[in-house]
Amino acid sequence: SYELQKNHYTDVVSEHKYWKLVDIYADEGISGTSIKHRDSFIRMINDCRAGKIDLIVTKSVNRFARNIVDCISIMRELKQLKPPVGILFETENIYTLNKDSEMSLAFTATLAQEESHTKSNIMNSSIDMRFRRGIFLTPPLLGYDVDDKGNLVINQEEAKTVRLVFFMYLYGYTCSQISETL
């Protein structure tokens, strides 16, 4: 979970005397296949460019980026900054400021990208097969009940909670703030 990861990296930084935690950059629920909608990721890279960060510590390559072009181009850009910014991938034990790291990173990033494509294809195929058989993946939906004909019917009591969530979202509350309120 996000909280466990946050605690882990807070501990990792505290174990190193000269390290300072700038921030934890997390794009919850956003795919790593592109950096376009990863606002926290983009903010992290901008903080690197601004000289606020000299090391990024991340669990694995597929948590950093699942697109080889993004991964390698960002790594190269960060490496060229003055001073350079390194990325430490814990799982793969790759540190990008080591001179022999790029080939390992390229190979691992390629695997991450292909794994993402494979999972996507499997999921799409599974969904397609289920839909063709009339089996929908809809879990019980908050705010709705299913009538005896299989139609969704508004559950007025639960709909109050759904309206509250949408209202909070529209007024700029984060997912974490909404979750805490609920």
C-alpha atoms as a PDB file:
ATOM      1  CA  SER A   1       0.000   0.000   0.000  1.00  0.00           C
ATOM      2  CA  TYR A   2       0.979   3.629  -0.346  1.00  0.00           C
ATOM      3  CA  GLU A   3       1.395   3.992   3.436  1.00  0.00           C
ATOM      4  CA  LEU A   4       3.733   0.982   3.638  1.00  0.00           C
ATOM      5  CA  GLN A   5       5.833   2.308   0.763  1.00  0.00           C
ATOM      6  CA  LYS A   6       5.940   5.764   2.329  1.00  0.00           C
ATOM      7  CA  ASN A   7       7.114   4.293   5.649  1.00  0.00           C
ATOM      8  CA  HIS A   8       9.702   2.136   3.870  1.00  0.00           C
ATOM      9  CA  TYR A   9      11.294   5.052   2.040  1.00  0.00           C
ATOM     10  CA  THR A  10      11.186   7.295   5.091  1.00  0.00           C
ATOM     11  CA  ASP A  11      13.113   4.543   6.925  1.00  0.00           C
ATOM     12  CA  VAL A  12      15.556   4.064   4.019  1.00  0.00           C
ATOM     13  CA  VAL A  13      16.401   7.770   4.002  1.00  0.00           C
ATOM     14  CA  SER A  14      16.731   7.952   7.795  1.00  0.00           C
ATOM     15  CA  GLU A  15      19.282   5.089   7.676  1.00  0.00           C
ATOM     16  CA  HIS A  16      21.664   7.277   5.645  1.00  0.00           C
ATOM     17  CA  LYS A  17      23.225  10.083   7.661  1.00  0.00           C
ATOM     18  CA  TYR A  18      23.667  12.528   4.775  1.00  0.00           C
ATOM     19  CA  TRP A  19      20.422  11.849   2.930  1.00  0.00           C
ATOM     20  CA  LYS A  20      17.486  14.217   3.140  1.00  0.00           C
ATOM     21  CA  LEU A  21      13.988  13.248   2.007  1.00  0.00           C
ATOM     22  CA  VAL A  22      12.759  15.908  -0.389  1.00  0.00           C
ATOM     23  CA  ASP A  23       9.335  14.331  -0.970  1.00  0.00           C
ATOM     24  CA  ILE A  24       7.587  11.103  -1.800  1.00  0.00           C
ATOM     25  CA  TYR A  25       6.331  11.324  -5.355  1.00  0.00           C
ATOM     26  CA  ALA A  26       3.442   8.957  -5.975  1.00  0.00           C
ATOM     27  CA  ASP A  27       0.861   8.920  -8.742  1.00  0.00           C
ATOM     28  CA  GLU A  28      -1.772   6.663  -7.217  1.00  0.00           C
ATOM     29  CA  GLY A  29      -3.705   4.636  -9.757  1.00  0.00           C
ATOM     30  CA  ILE A  30      -1.861   6.044 -12.776  1.00  0.00           C
ATOM     31  CA  SER A  31      -0.192   3.653 -15.206  1.00  0.00           C
ATOM     32  CA  GLY A  32       3.536   3.933 -15.742  1.00  0.00           C
ATOM     33  CA  THR A  33       3.190   3.249 -19.473  1.00  0.00           C
ATOM     34  CA  SER A  34       3.402   6.981 -20.162  1.00  0.00           C
ATOM     35  CA  ILE A  35       4.539   9.984 -18.154  1.00  0.00           C
ATOM     36  CA  LYS A  36       1.887  12.274 -19.643  1.00  0.00           C
ATOM     37  CA  HIS A  37      -0.633  12.072 -16.793  1.00  0.00           C
ATOM     38  CA  ARG A  38       1.810  11.338 -13.978  1.00  0.00           C
ATOM     39  CA  ASP A  39       1.757  14.739 -12.279  1.00  0.00           C
ATOM     40  CA  SER A  40       3.874  13.703  -9.286  1.00  0.00           C
ATOM     41  CA  PHE A  41       6.441  12.056 -11.552  1.00  0.00           C
ATOM     42  CA  ILE A  42       6.687  15.211 -13.670  1.00  0.00           C
ATOM     43  CA  ARG A  43       7.014  17.307 -10.492  1.00  0.00           C
ATOM     44  CA  MET A  44       9.841  15.010  -9.328  1.00  0.00           C
ATOM     45  CA  ILE A  45      11.723  15.427 -12.617  1.00  0.00           C
ATOM     46  CA  ASN A  46      11.227  19.209 -12.431  1.00  0.00           C
ATOM     47  CA  ASP A  47      12.600  19.159  -8.865  1.00  0.00           C
ATOM     48  CA  CYS A  48      15.646  17.310 -10.231  1.00  0.00           C
ATOM     49  CA  ARG A  49      16.099  19.978 -12.897  1.00  0.00           C
ATOM     50  CA  ALA A  50      15.788  22.664 -10.215  1.00  0.00           C
ATOM     51  CA  GLY A  51      18.616  21.057  -8.229  1.00  0.00           C
ATOM     52  CA  LYS A  52      16.441  19.923  -5.309  1.00  0.00           C
ATOM     53  CA  ILE A  53      17.197  16.209  -5.850  1.00  0.00           C
ATOM     54  CA  ASP A  54      20.446  14.375  -6.528  1.00  0.00           C
ATOM     55  CA  LEU A  55      19.185  10.818  -6.046  1.00  0.00           C
ATOM     56  CA  ILE A  56      15.891   9.099  -6.799  1.00  0.00           C
ATOM     57  CA  VAL A  57      15.295   5.864  -4.922  1.00  0.00           C
ATOM     58  CA  THR A  58      12.588   3.626  -6.358  1.00  0.00           C
ATOM     59  CA  LYS A  59      11.530   0.053  -5.786  1.00  0.00           C
ATOM     60  CA  SER A  60      11.920  -1.161  -9.346  1.00  0.00           C
ATOM     61  CA  VAL A  61      12.186  -0.165 -12.986  1.00  0.00           C
ATOM     62  CA  ASN A  62       8.516  -0.941 -13.635  1.00  0.00           C
ATOM     63  CA  ARG A  63       7.538   1.463 -10.831  1.00  0.00           C
ATOM     64  CA  PHE A  64       9.600   4.213 -12.444  1.00  0.00           C
ATOM     65  CA  ALA A  65       8.446   3.730 -16.038  1.00  0.00           C
ATOM     66  CA  ARG A  66       6.968   0.948 -18.152  1.00  0.00           C
ATOM     67  CA  ASN A  67       7.986   2.630 -21.364  1.00  0.00           C
ATOM     68  CA  ILE A  68      11.581   2.085 -22.438  1.00  0.00           C
ATOM     69  CA  VAL A  69      11.814   5.367 -24.333  1.00  0.00           C
ATOM     70  CA  ASP A  70      10.629   7.394 -21.319  1.00  0.00           C
ATOM     71  CA  CYS A  71      12.809   5.429 -18.925  1.00  0.00           C
ATOM     72  CA  ILE A  72      16.059   5.716 -20.862  1.00  0.00           C
ATOM     73  CA  SER A  73      15.539   9.302 -22.033  1.00  0.00           C
ATOM     74  CA  ILE A  74      14.749  10.527 -18.521  1.00  0.00           C
ATOM     75  CA  MET A  75      17.682   8.598 -17.070  1.00  0.00           C
ATOM     76  CA  ARG A  76      20.017  10.157 -19.659  1.00  0.00           C
ATOM     77  CA  GLU A  77      18.649  13.647 -19.062  1.00  0.00           C
ATOM     78  CA  LEU A  78      19.084  13.316 -15.285  1.00  0.00           C
ATOM     79  CA  LYS A  79      22.592  11.942 -15.749  1.00  0.00           C
ATOM     80  CA  GLN A  80      23.543  15.026 -17.834  1.00  0.00           C
ATOM     81  CA  LEU A  81      22.342  17.545 -15.253  1.00  0.00           C
ATOM     82  CA  LYS A  82      24.949  19.527 -13.324  1.00  0.00           C
ATOM     83  CA  PRO A  83      25.253  17.979 -10.782  1.00  0.00           C
ATOM     84  CA  PRO A  84      23.983  14.674 -12.180  1.00  0.00           C
ATOM     85  CA  VAL A  85      20.965  12.952 -10.648  1.00  0.00           C
ATOM     86  CA  GLY A  86      21.185   9.205 -10.115  1.00  0.00           C
ATOM     87  CA  ILE A  87      18.352   6.710  -9.902  1.00  0.00           C
ATOM     88  CA  LEU A  88      18.651   3.706  -7.621  1.00  0.00           C
ATOM     89  CA  PHE A  89      16.377   0.812  -8.550  1.00  0.00           C
ATOM     90  CA  GLU A  90      16.277  -1.333  -5.409  1.00  0.00           C
ATOM     91  CA  THR A  91      14.925  -4.605  -6.794  1.00  0.00           C
ATOM     92  CA  GLU A  92      17.275  -4.750  -9.782  1.00  0.00           C
ATOM     93  CA  ASN A  93      20.183  -3.170  -7.888  1.00  0.00           C
ATOM     94  CA  ILE A  94      20.807  -0.713 -10.713  1.00  0.00           C
ATOM     95  CA  TYR A  95      22.348   2.693  -9.992  1.00  0.00           C
ATOM     96  CA  THR A  96      22.253   4.864 -13.087  1.00  0.00           C
ATOM     97  CA  LEU A  97      25.403   6.861 -12.343  1.00  0.00           C
ATOM     98  CA  ASN A  98      27.462   3.679 -12.638  1.00  0.00           C
ATOM     99  CA  LYS A  99      29.017   3.634 -16.089  1.00  0.00           C
ATOM    100  CA  ASP A 100      27.782   0.115 -16.924  1.00  0.00           C
ATOM    101  CA  SER A 101      24.164   0.612 -15.809  1.00  0.00           C
ATOM    102  CA  GLU A 102      22.512   1.697 -19.057  1.00  0.00           C
ATOM    103  CA  MET A 103      22.505  -1.706 -20.754  1.00  0.00           C
ATOM    104  CA  SER A 104      21.027  -3.384 -17.654  1.00  0.00           C
ATOM    105  CA  LEU A 105      18.442  -0.639 -17.365  1.00  0.00           C
ATOM    106  CA  ALA A 106      17.509  -0.845 -21.062  1.00  0.00           C
ATOM    107  CA  PHE A 107      17.065  -4.608 -20.826  1.00  0.00           C
ATOM    108  CA  THR A 108      14.989  -4.387 -17.642  1.00  0.00           C
ATOM    109  CA  ALA A 109      12.895  -1.491 -18.991  1.00  0.00           C
ATOM    110  CA  THR A 110      12.186  -3.499 -22.145  1.00  0.00           C
ATOM    111  CA  LEU A 111      10.971  -6.409 -20.026  1.00  0.00           C
ATOM    112  CA  ALA A 112       8.787  -4.055 -17.946  1.00  0.00           C
ATOM    113  CA  GLN A 113       7.253  -2.583 -21.099  1.00  0.00           C
ATOM    114  CA  GLU A 114       6.564  -5.991 -22.618  1.00  0.00           C
ATOM    115  CA  GLU A 115       5.118  -7.292 -19.349  1.00  0.00           C
ATOM    116  CA  SER A 116       2.754  -4.326 -19.283  1.00  0.00           C
ATOM    117  CA  HIS A 117       1.653  -4.972 -22.892  1.00  0.00           C
ATOM    118  CA  THR A 118       1.177  -8.687 -22.220  1.00  0.00           C
ATOM    119  CA  LYS A 119      -0.926  -8.055 -19.101  1.00  0.00           C
ATOM    120  CA  SER A 120      -2.997  -5.504 -20.980  1.00  0.00           C
ATOM    121  CA  ASN A 121      -3.637  -7.928 -23.852  1.00  0.00           C
ATOM    122  CA  ILE A 122      -4.585 -10.731 -21.453  1.00  0.00           C
ATOM    123  CA  MET A 123      -6.982  -8.462 -19.549  1.00  0.00           C
ATOM    124  CA  ASN A 124      -8.585  -7.158 -22.738  1.00  0.00           C
ATOM    125  CA  SER A 125      -9.016 -10.692 -24.051  1.00  0.00           C
ATOM    126  CA  SER A 126     -10.520 -11.861 -20.767  1.00  0.00           C
ATOM    127  CA  ILE A 127     -12.953  -8.939 -20.664  1.00  0.00           C
ATOM    128  CA  ASP A 128     -13.938  -9.540 -24.289  1.00  0.00           C
ATOM    129  CA  MET A 129     -14.610 -13.251 -23.627  1.00  0.00           C
ATOM    130  CA  ARG A 130     -16.678 -12.452 -20.535  1.00  0.00           C
ATOM    131  CA  PHE A 131     -18.730  -9.812 -22.345  1.00  0.00           C
ATOM    132  CA  ARG A 132     -19.454 -12.211 -25.216  1.00  0.00           C
ATOM    133  CA  ARG A 133     -20.849 -14.671 -22.653  1.00  0.00           C
ATOM    134  CA  GLY A 134     -22.864 -11.976 -20.876  1.00  0.00           C
ATOM    135  CA  ILE A 135     -20.624 -12.065 -17.799  1.00  0.00           C
ATOM    136  CA  PHE A 136     -19.795  -8.553 -16.660  1.00  0.00           C
ATOM    137  CA  LEU A 137     -16.979  -7.655 -14.308  1.00  0.00           C
ATOM    138  CA  THR A 138     -19.063  -5.217 -12.362  1.00  0.00           C
ATOM    139  CA  PRO A 139     -18.544  -5.657  -8.640  1.00  0.00           C
ATOM    140  CA  PRO A 140     -21.308  -4.528  -6.315  1.00  0.00           C
ATOM    141  CA  LEU A 141     -21.550  -0.794  -6.970  1.00  0.00           C
ATOM    142  CA  LEU A 142     -21.980   1.633  -4.105  1.00  0.00           C
ATOM    143  CA  GLY A 143     -25.229   3.499  -4.685  1.00  0.00           C
ATOM    144  CA  TYR A 144     -26.870   0.793  -6.792  1.00  0.00           C
ATOM    145  CA  ASP A 145     -28.720  -2.450  -6.334  1.00  0.00           C
ATOM    146  CA  VAL A 146     -29.505  -5.057  -8.997  1.00  0.00           C
ATOM    147  CA  ASP A 147     -33.166  -5.841  -9.576  1.00  0.00           C
ATOM    148  CA  ASP A 148     -34.511  -9.304 -10.482  1.00  0.00           C
ATOM    149  CA  LYS A 149     -33.998  -8.560 -14.208  1.00  0.00           C
ATOM    150  CA  GLY A 150     -30.305  -7.699 -13.695  1.00  0.00           C
ATOM    151  CA  ASN A 151     -30.815  -3.947 -14.096  1.00  0.00           C
ATOM    152  CA  LEU A 152     -29.073  -1.408 -11.893  1.00  0.00           C
ATOM    153  CA  VAL A 153     -31.431   0.491  -9.596  1.00  0.00           C
ATOM    154  CA  ILE A 154     -30.383   3.473  -7.480  1.00  0.00           C
ATOM    155  CA  ASN A 155     -30.085   2.708  -3.775  1.00  0.00           C
ATOM    156  CA  GLN A 156     -31.159   6.060  -2.319  1.00  0.00           C
ATOM    157  CA  GLU A 157     -29.423   5.562   1.039  1.00  0.00           C
ATOM    158  CA  GLU A 158     -26.052   4.639  -0.499  1.00  0.00           C
ATOM    159  CA  ALA A 159     -26.464   7.332  -3.176  1.00  0.00           C
ATOM    160  CA  LYS A 160     -25.939   9.951  -0.444  1.00  0.00           C
ATOM    161  CA  THR A 161     -22.396   8.673   0.043  1.00  0.00           C
ATOM    162  CA  VAL A 162     -21.751   8.615  -3.711  1.00  0.00           C
ATOM    163  CA  ARG A 163     -22.942  12.219  -4.027  1.00  0.00           C
ATOM    164  CA  LEU A 164     -20.679  13.253  -1.130  1.00  0.00           C
ATOM    165  CA  VAL A 165     -17.648  11.635  -2.807  1.00  0.00           C
ATOM    166  CA  PHE A 166     -18.344  13.382  -6.121  1.00  0.00           C
ATOM    167  CA  PHE A 167     -18.951  16.706  -4.352  1.00  0.00           C
ATOM    168  CA  MET A 168     -15.641  16.423  -2.472  1.00  0.00           C
ATOM    169  CA  TYR A 169     -13.797  15.438  -5.650  1.00  0.00           C
ATOM    170  CA  LEU A 170     -15.229  18.379  -7.576  1.00  0.00           C
ATOM    171  CA  TYR A 171     -14.110  20.720  -4.804  1.00  0.00           C
ATOM    172  CA  GLY A 172     -10.520  19.519  -5.008  1.00  0.00           C
ATOM    173  CA  TYR A 173     -10.263  16.974  -2.207  1.00  0.00           C
ATOM    174  CA  THR A 174      -7.636  14.293  -2.810  1.00  0.00           C
ATOM    175  CA  CYS A 175      -8.486  10.598  -2.803  1.00  0.00           C
ATOM    176  CA  SER A 176      -6.737  10.288   0.556  1.00  0.00           C
ATOM    177  CA  GLN A 177      -8.776  13.143   2.050  1.00  0.00           C
ATOM    178  CA  ILE A 178     -12.019  11.637   0.763  1.00  0.00           C
ATOM    179  CA  SER A 179     -11.034   8.232   2.130  1.00  0.00           C
ATOM    180  CA  GLU A 180     -10.206   9.713   5.548  1.00  0.00           C
ATOM    181  CA  THR A 181     -13.539  11.544   5.623  1.00  0.00           C
ATOM    182  CA  LEU A 182     -15.461   8.385   4.778  1.00  0.00           C
END
